Amino acid sequence: MDQRRMDADGGRVLRRGRRTSKLAVVVAVQNVLITACLAVTLYVCWDAQSRPEAPNFVDDVHIQFEPIAGISESGTLPLLQVKSSSMMSLDGDKIKVKCNGPYVFYMEVCYRTDAKEASGTLQLKVMGRESPVSSIHLNDPHEVCRGLQSIAYLRSKEEASLYLSCTGGFKIENATVGLNYMLGTRCEY
């Protein structure tokens, strides 16, 4: 046997050359993969930054009502603006619906009642229907601020309005109300 290839105990043959070359191949492959990942990452970042910005499409329909403050009598509430005229439009105090589907009717409202039995109800009414599509009851016996929501199904070509029905001693201090089409830009029905 060759003495140069024997270990200290004299029984094992060591082949350092093969083990070293395998380790070098593994390290080289790992470095190539890291370099490739880094190159792909840099390319994707560079490509994303060099593209012109796509226009922002609002994927919801939102109507804002005029700020409601100090209302203490029953009646239809005035509307302010609509952000998507493809799904809904405004005509005075009416919302003209252009798409069938579910809508979220929501609000943040602060109100107070001066009498124990005073109460109010905000209703989303549709012309031609006897009962309101959505009703939110406001009847806490003290000043309250809270967020409320309700889901309503509206049909194409319907006209809706927001109506406040209240008894004496009820007053809305401040409210923000909105209506969102839940199917985004889909108007297939």
C-alpha atoms as a PDB file:
ATOM      1  CA  MET A   1       0.000   0.000   0.000  1.00  0.00           C
ATOM      2  CA  ASP A   2       0.993   3.543  -0.605  1.00  0.00           C
ATOM      3  CA  GLN A   3       1.908   5.349   2.626  1.00  0.00           C
ATOM      4  CA  ARG A   4       0.901   8.760   1.332  1.00  0.00           C
ATOM      5  CA  ARG A   5      -2.745   7.746   1.117  1.00  0.00           C
ATOM      6  CA  MET A   6      -3.060   6.213   4.552  1.00  0.00           C
ATOM      7  CA  ASP A   7      -4.570   8.076   7.492  1.00  0.00           C
ATOM      8  CA  ALA A   8      -3.174   8.225  11.013  1.00  0.00           C
ATOM      9  CA  ASP A   9      -4.648   4.865  12.015  1.00  0.00           C
ATOM     10  CA  GLY A  10      -3.126   3.291   8.960  1.00  0.00           C
ATOM     11  CA  GLY A  11      -6.322   1.745   7.680  1.00  0.00           C
ATOM     12  CA  ARG A  12      -8.223   4.228   5.519  1.00  0.00           C
ATOM     13  CA  VAL A  13      -7.435   5.602   2.137  1.00  0.00           C
ATOM     14  CA  LEU A  14      -8.312   9.307   1.757  1.00  0.00           C
ATOM     15  CA  ARG A  15      -9.189  10.767  -1.603  1.00  0.00           C
ATOM     16  CA  ARG A  16      -9.034  14.461  -0.957  1.00  0.00           C
ATOM     17  CA  GLY A  17      -8.942  15.457  -4.595  1.00  0.00           C
ATOM     18  CA  ARG A  18     -12.424  14.120  -5.464  1.00  0.00           C
ATOM     19  CA  ARG A  19     -14.121  15.526  -2.365  1.00  0.00           C
ATOM     20  CA  THR A  20     -12.621  18.958  -2.990  1.00  0.00           C
ATOM     21  CA  SER A  21     -13.690  18.975  -6.629  1.00  0.00           C
ATOM     22  CA  LYS A  22     -17.308  17.972  -5.744  1.00  0.00           C
ATOM     23  CA  LEU A  23     -17.492  20.774  -3.200  1.00  0.00           C
ATOM     24  CA  ALA A  24     -16.150  23.248  -5.746  1.00  0.00           C
ATOM     25  CA  VAL A  25     -18.814  22.174  -8.276  1.00  0.00           C
ATOM     26  CA  VAL A  26     -21.616  22.577  -5.693  1.00  0.00           C
ATOM     27  CA  VAL A  27     -20.385  26.047  -4.712  1.00  0.00           C
ATOM     28  CA  ALA A  28     -20.062  27.068  -8.373  1.00  0.00           C
ATOM     29  CA  VAL A  29     -23.626  25.892  -9.189  1.00  0.00           C
ATOM     30  CA  GLN A  30     -24.962  27.729  -6.127  1.00  0.00           C
ATOM     31  CA  ASN A  31     -23.212  30.943  -7.183  1.00  0.00           C
ATOM     32  CA  VAL A  32     -24.580  30.640 -10.732  1.00  0.00           C
ATOM     33  CA  LEU A  33     -28.141  30.218  -9.369  1.00  0.00           C
ATOM     34  CA  ILE A  34     -27.774  33.214  -7.039  1.00  0.00           C
ATOM     35  CA  THR A  35     -26.439  35.329  -9.903  1.00  0.00           C
ATOM     36  CA  ALA A  36     -29.325  34.241 -12.156  1.00  0.00           C
ATOM     37  CA  CYS A  37     -31.914  35.092  -9.459  1.00  0.00           C
ATOM     38  CA  LEU A  38     -30.304  38.476  -8.894  1.00  0.00           C
ATOM     39  CA  ALA A  39     -30.300  39.186 -12.640  1.00  0.00           C
ATOM     40  CA  VAL A  40     -34.000  38.250 -12.977  1.00  0.00           C
ATOM     41  CA  THR A  41     -34.920  40.388  -9.941  1.00  0.00           C
ATOM     42  CA  LEU A  42     -33.059  43.404 -11.290  1.00  0.00           C
ATOM     43  CA  TYR A  43     -34.649  42.964 -14.725  1.00  0.00           C
ATOM     44  CA  VAL A  44     -38.174  42.779 -13.277  1.00  0.00           C
ATOM     45  CA  CYS A  45     -37.588  45.865 -11.105  1.00  0.00           C
ATOM     46  CA  TRP A  46     -36.095  47.818 -14.011  1.00  0.00           C
ATOM     47  CA  ASP A  47     -38.943  46.781 -16.324  1.00  0.00           C
ATOM     48  CA  ALA A  48     -41.627  47.749 -13.777  1.00  0.00           C
ATOM     49  CA  GLN A  49     -40.056  51.180 -13.240  1.00  0.00           C
ATOM     50  CA  SER A  50     -39.628  51.898 -16.941  1.00  0.00           C
ATOM     51  CA  ARG A  51     -43.261  51.179 -17.877  1.00  0.00           C
ATOM     52  CA  PRO A  52     -45.648  54.133 -17.988  1.00  0.00           C
ATOM     53  CA  GLU A  53     -48.179  54.194 -15.176  1.00  0.00           C
ATOM     54  CA  ALA A  54     -51.472  52.539 -15.988  1.00  0.00           C
ATOM     55  CA  PRO A  55     -54.542  54.687 -15.346  1.00  0.00           C
ATOM     56  CA  ASN A  56     -56.207  54.010 -12.018  1.00  0.00           C
ATOM     57  CA  PHE A  57     -59.590  52.433 -12.533  1.00  0.00           C
ATOM     58  CA  VAL A  58     -61.891  52.716  -9.578  1.00  0.00           C
ATOM     59  CA  ASP A  59     -63.358  49.282  -9.041  1.00  0.00           C
ATOM     60  CA  ASP A  60     -66.304  50.523  -7.042  1.00  0.00           C
ATOM     61  CA  VAL A  61     -69.142  52.915  -7.490  1.00  0.00           C
ATOM     62  CA  HIS A  62     -69.516  55.554  -4.851  1.00  0.00           C
ATOM     63  CA  ILE A  63     -72.116  58.239  -4.359  1.00  0.00           C
ATOM     64  CA  GLN A  64     -71.621  60.871  -1.724  1.00  0.00           C
ATOM     65  CA  PHE A  65     -74.520  62.714  -0.255  1.00  0.00           C
ATOM     66  CA  GLU A  66     -74.263  66.338   0.752  1.00  0.00           C
ATOM     67  CA  PRO A  67     -73.035  66.661   4.310  1.00  0.00           C
ATOM     68  CA  ILE A  68     -76.079  66.260   6.483  1.00  0.00           C
ATOM     69  CA  ALA A  69     -76.108  68.505   9.530  1.00  0.00           C
ATOM     70  CA  GLY A  70     -78.847  69.789  11.747  1.00  0.00           C
ATOM     71  CA  ILE A  71     -81.689  67.946  10.006  1.00  0.00           C
ATOM     72  CA  SER A  72     -84.626  67.411  12.319  1.00  0.00           C
ATOM     73  CA  GLU A  73     -87.562  66.923   9.978  1.00  0.00           C
ATOM     74  CA  SER A  74     -88.656  64.162   7.627  1.00  0.00           C
ATOM     75  CA  GLY A  75     -87.855  64.432   3.939  1.00  0.00           C
ATOM     76  CA  THR A  76     -85.655  63.398   1.028  1.00  0.00           C
ATOM     77  CA  LEU A  77     -81.965  64.127   1.577  1.00  0.00           C
ATOM     78  CA  PRO A  78     -79.940  66.003  -1.077  1.00  0.00           C
ATOM     79  CA  LEU A  79     -77.176  64.317  -3.121  1.00  0.00           C
ATOM     80  CA  LEU A  80     -73.771  65.790  -3.902  1.00  0.00           C
ATOM     81  CA  GLN A  81     -71.745  63.764  -6.422  1.00  0.00           C
ATOM     82  CA  VAL A  82     -71.140  60.402  -8.074  1.00  0.00           C
ATOM     83  CA  LYS A  83     -67.692  59.040  -8.892  1.00  0.00           C
ATOM     84  CA  SER A  84     -68.695  56.535 -11.593  1.00  0.00           C
ATOM     85  CA  SER A  85     -71.262  57.649 -14.109  1.00  0.00           C
ATOM     86  CA  SER A  86     -71.109  54.307 -15.936  1.00  0.00           C
ATOM     87  CA  MET A  87     -72.906  52.490 -13.100  1.00  0.00           C
ATOM     88  CA  MET A  88     -75.070  55.236 -11.564  1.00  0.00           C
ATOM     89  CA  SER A  89     -75.910  58.849 -12.152  1.00  0.00           C
ATOM     90  CA  LEU A  90     -77.603  61.633 -10.245  1.00  0.00           C
ATOM     91  CA  ASP A  91     -80.680  63.586 -11.139  1.00  0.00           C
ATOM     92  CA  GLY A  92     -81.480  66.099  -8.422  1.00  0.00           C
ATOM     93  CA  ASP A  93     -82.137  64.078  -5.292  1.00  0.00           C
ATOM     94  CA  LYS A  94     -82.476  60.761  -7.157  1.00  0.00           C
ATOM     95  CA  ILE A  95     -79.916  58.069  -7.975  1.00  0.00           C
ATOM     96  CA  LYS A  96     -80.416  56.499 -11.408  1.00  0.00           C
ATOM     97  CA  VAL A  97     -79.209  52.896 -11.268  1.00  0.00           C
ATOM     98  CA  LYS A  98     -77.680  51.427 -14.440  1.00  0.00           C
ATOM     99  CA  CYS A  99     -76.673  47.936 -13.236  1.00  0.00           C
ATOM    100  CA  ASN A 100     -78.609  45.117 -11.599  1.00  0.00           C
ATOM    101  CA  GLY A 101     -77.001  43.775  -8.493  1.00  0.00           C
ATOM    102  CA  PRO A 102     -76.173  44.149  -4.833  1.00  0.00           C
ATOM    103  CA  TYR A 103     -75.243  47.533  -3.409  1.00  0.00           C
ATOM    104  CA  VAL A 104     -73.850  48.408   0.011  1.00  0.00           C
ATOM    105  CA  PHE A 105     -75.645  51.354   1.589  1.00  0.00           C
ATOM    106  CA  TYR A 106     -73.456  52.681   4.394  1.00  0.00           C
ATOM    107  CA  MET A 107     -73.044  55.696   6.634  1.00  0.00           C
ATOM    108  CA  GLU A 108     -71.281  57.269   9.567  1.00  0.00           C
ATOM    109  CA  VAL A 109     -73.909  59.199  11.506  1.00  0.00           C
ATOM    110  CA  CYS A 110     -74.021  61.286  14.681  1.00  0.00           C
ATOM    111  CA  TYR A 111     -77.499  61.978  16.015  1.00  0.00           C
ATOM    112  CA  ARG A 112     -79.265  62.853  19.229  1.00  0.00           C
ATOM    113  CA  THR A 113     -82.728  62.541  20.623  1.00  0.00           C
ATOM    114  CA  ASP A 114     -84.213  65.135  22.951  1.00  0.00           C
ATOM    115  CA  ALA A 115     -87.239  63.062  23.940  1.00  0.00           C
ATOM    116  CA  LYS A 116     -87.271  59.486  25.265  1.00  0.00           C
ATOM    117  CA  GLU A 117     -89.387  58.217  22.421  1.00  0.00           C
ATOM    118  CA  ALA A 118     -87.784  60.194  19.623  1.00  0.00           C
ATOM    119  CA  SER A 119     -86.349  58.133  16.793  1.00  0.00           C
ATOM    120  CA  GLY A 120     -85.416  58.307  13.164  1.00  0.00           C
ATOM    121  CA  THR A 121     -85.122  55.970  10.208  1.00  0.00           C
ATOM    122  CA  LEU A 122     -82.978  56.435   7.122  1.00  0.00           C
ATOM    123  CA  GLN A 123     -84.531  54.637   4.180  1.00  0.00           C
ATOM    124  CA  LEU A 124     -83.251  53.895   0.707  1.00  0.00           C
ATOM    125  CA  LYS A 125     -86.459  54.136  -1.320  1.00  0.00           C
ATOM    126  CA  VAL A 126     -86.983  53.097  -4.932  1.00  0.00           C
ATOM    127  CA  MET A 127     -89.690  54.687  -7.076  1.00  0.00           C
ATOM    128  CA  GLY A 128     -92.410  52.172  -7.832  1.00  0.00           C
ATOM    129  CA  ARG A 129     -91.828  50.001  -4.778  1.00  0.00           C
ATOM    130  CA  GLU A 130     -94.110  50.252  -1.774  1.00  0.00           C
ATOM    131  CA  SER A 131     -91.563  49.352   0.894  1.00  0.00           C
ATOM    132  CA  PRO A 132     -88.049  50.761   1.187  1.00  0.00           C
ATOM    133  CA  VAL A 133     -85.165  48.692  -0.162  1.00  0.00           C
ATOM    134  CA  SER A 134     -83.138  49.311   2.976  1.00  0.00           C
ATOM    135  CA  SER A 135     -83.930  50.866   6.357  1.00  0.00           C
ATOM    136  CA  ILE A 136     -81.581  51.832   9.141  1.00  0.00           C
ATOM    137  CA  HIS A 137     -83.202  52.649  12.487  1.00  0.00           C
ATOM    138  CA  LEU A 138     -81.702  55.335  14.709  1.00  0.00           C
ATOM    139  CA  ASN A 139     -83.277  55.209  18.145  1.00  0.00           C
ATOM    140  CA  ASP A 140     -80.665  55.454  20.908  1.00  0.00           C
ATOM    141  CA  PRO A 141     -81.900  57.663  23.784  1.00  0.00           C
ATOM    142  CA  HIS A 142     -78.775  59.886  23.848  1.00  0.00           C
ATOM    143  CA  GLU A 143     -76.246  61.399  21.456  1.00  0.00           C
ATOM    144  CA  VAL A 144     -74.556  58.645  19.439  1.00  0.00           C
ATOM    145  CA  CYS A 145     -72.038  58.406  16.602  1.00  0.00           C
ATOM    146  CA  ARG A 146     -71.817  55.102  14.792  1.00  0.00           C
ATOM    147  CA  GLY A 147     -71.205  53.408  11.479  1.00  0.00           C
ATOM    148  CA  LEU A 148     -74.030  51.484   9.876  1.00  0.00           C
ATOM    149  CA  GLN A 149     -74.428  49.453   6.710  1.00  0.00           C
ATOM    150  CA  SER A 150     -77.044  47.518   4.827  1.00  0.00           C
ATOM    151  CA  ILE A 151     -77.124  45.532   1.583  1.00  0.00           C
ATOM    152  CA  ALA A 152     -79.756  46.337  -1.041  1.00  0.00           C
ATOM    153  CA  TYR A 153     -80.472  44.757  -4.420  1.00  0.00           C
ATOM    154  CA  LEU A 154     -81.240  47.355  -7.081  1.00  0.00           C
ATOM    155  CA  ARG A 155     -82.263  46.850 -10.713  1.00  0.00           C
ATOM    156  CA  SER A 156     -81.211  48.652 -13.851  1.00  0.00           C
ATOM    157  CA  LYS A 157     -83.210  51.812 -14.689  1.00  0.00           C
ATOM    158  CA  GLU A 158     -84.537  52.180 -11.137  1.00  0.00           C
ATOM    159  CA  GLU A 159     -84.444  55.530  -9.358  1.00  0.00           C
ATOM    160  CA  ALA A 160     -83.592  55.567  -5.666  1.00  0.00           C
ATOM    161  CA  SER A 161     -83.479  58.313  -3.055  1.00  0.00           C
ATOM    162  CA  LEU A 162     -82.518  58.611   0.580  1.00  0.00           C
ATOM    163  CA  TYR A 163     -85.399  59.521   2.863  1.00  0.00           C
ATOM    164  CA  LEU A 164     -85.279  60.478   6.541  1.00  0.00           C
ATOM    165  CA  SER A 165     -88.353  59.699   8.583  1.00  0.00           C
ATOM    166  CA  CYS A 166     -88.218  61.010  12.148  1.00  0.00           C
ATOM    167  CA  THR A 167     -90.346  61.914  15.124  1.00  0.00           C
ATOM    168  CA  GLY A 168     -90.175  65.121  17.162  1.00  0.00           C
ATOM    169  CA  GLY A 169     -87.030  65.503  19.227  1.00  0.00           C
ATOM    170  CA  PHE A 170     -84.775  63.618  16.783  1.00  0.00           C
ATOM    171  CA  LYS A 171     -81.887  65.445  15.114  1.00  0.00           C
ATOM    172  CA  ILE A 172     -79.010  64.357  12.865  1.00  0.00           C
ATOM    173  CA  GLU A 173     -75.923  66.283  13.923  1.00  0.00           C
ATOM    174  CA  ASN A 174     -73.625  65.017  11.171  1.00  0.00           C
ATOM    175  CA  ALA A 175     -73.675  62.165   8.638  1.00  0.00           C
ATOM    176  CA  THR A 176     -71.705  60.852   5.694  1.00  0.00           C
ATOM    177  CA  VAL A 177     -73.607  58.418   3.507  1.00  0.00           C
ATOM    178  CA  GLY A 178     -72.524  56.342   0.523  1.00  0.00           C
ATOM    179  CA  LEU A 179     -73.700  53.671  -1.888  1.00  0.00           C
ATOM    180  CA  ASN A 180     -71.313  51.169  -3.508  1.00  0.00           C
ATOM    181  CA  TYR A 181     -71.968  48.661  -6.279  1.00  0.00           C
ATOM    182  CA  MET A 182     -70.569  45.373  -4.977  1.00  0.00           C
ATOM    183  CA  LEU A 183     -69.677  43.777  -8.330  1.00  0.00           C
ATOM    184  CA  GLY A 184     -67.054  46.387  -9.233  1.00  0.00           C
ATOM    185  CA  THR A 185     -66.984  47.160 -12.946  1.00  0.00           C
ATOM    186  CA  ARG A 186     -69.034  44.094 -13.897  1.00  0.00           C
ATOM    187  CA  CYS A 187     -72.426  45.111 -15.198  1.00  0.00           C
ATOM    188  CA  GLU A 188     -73.543  41.933 -16.959  1.00  0.00           C
ATOM    189  CA  TYR A 189     -77.014  41.326 -15.598  1.00  0.00           C
END
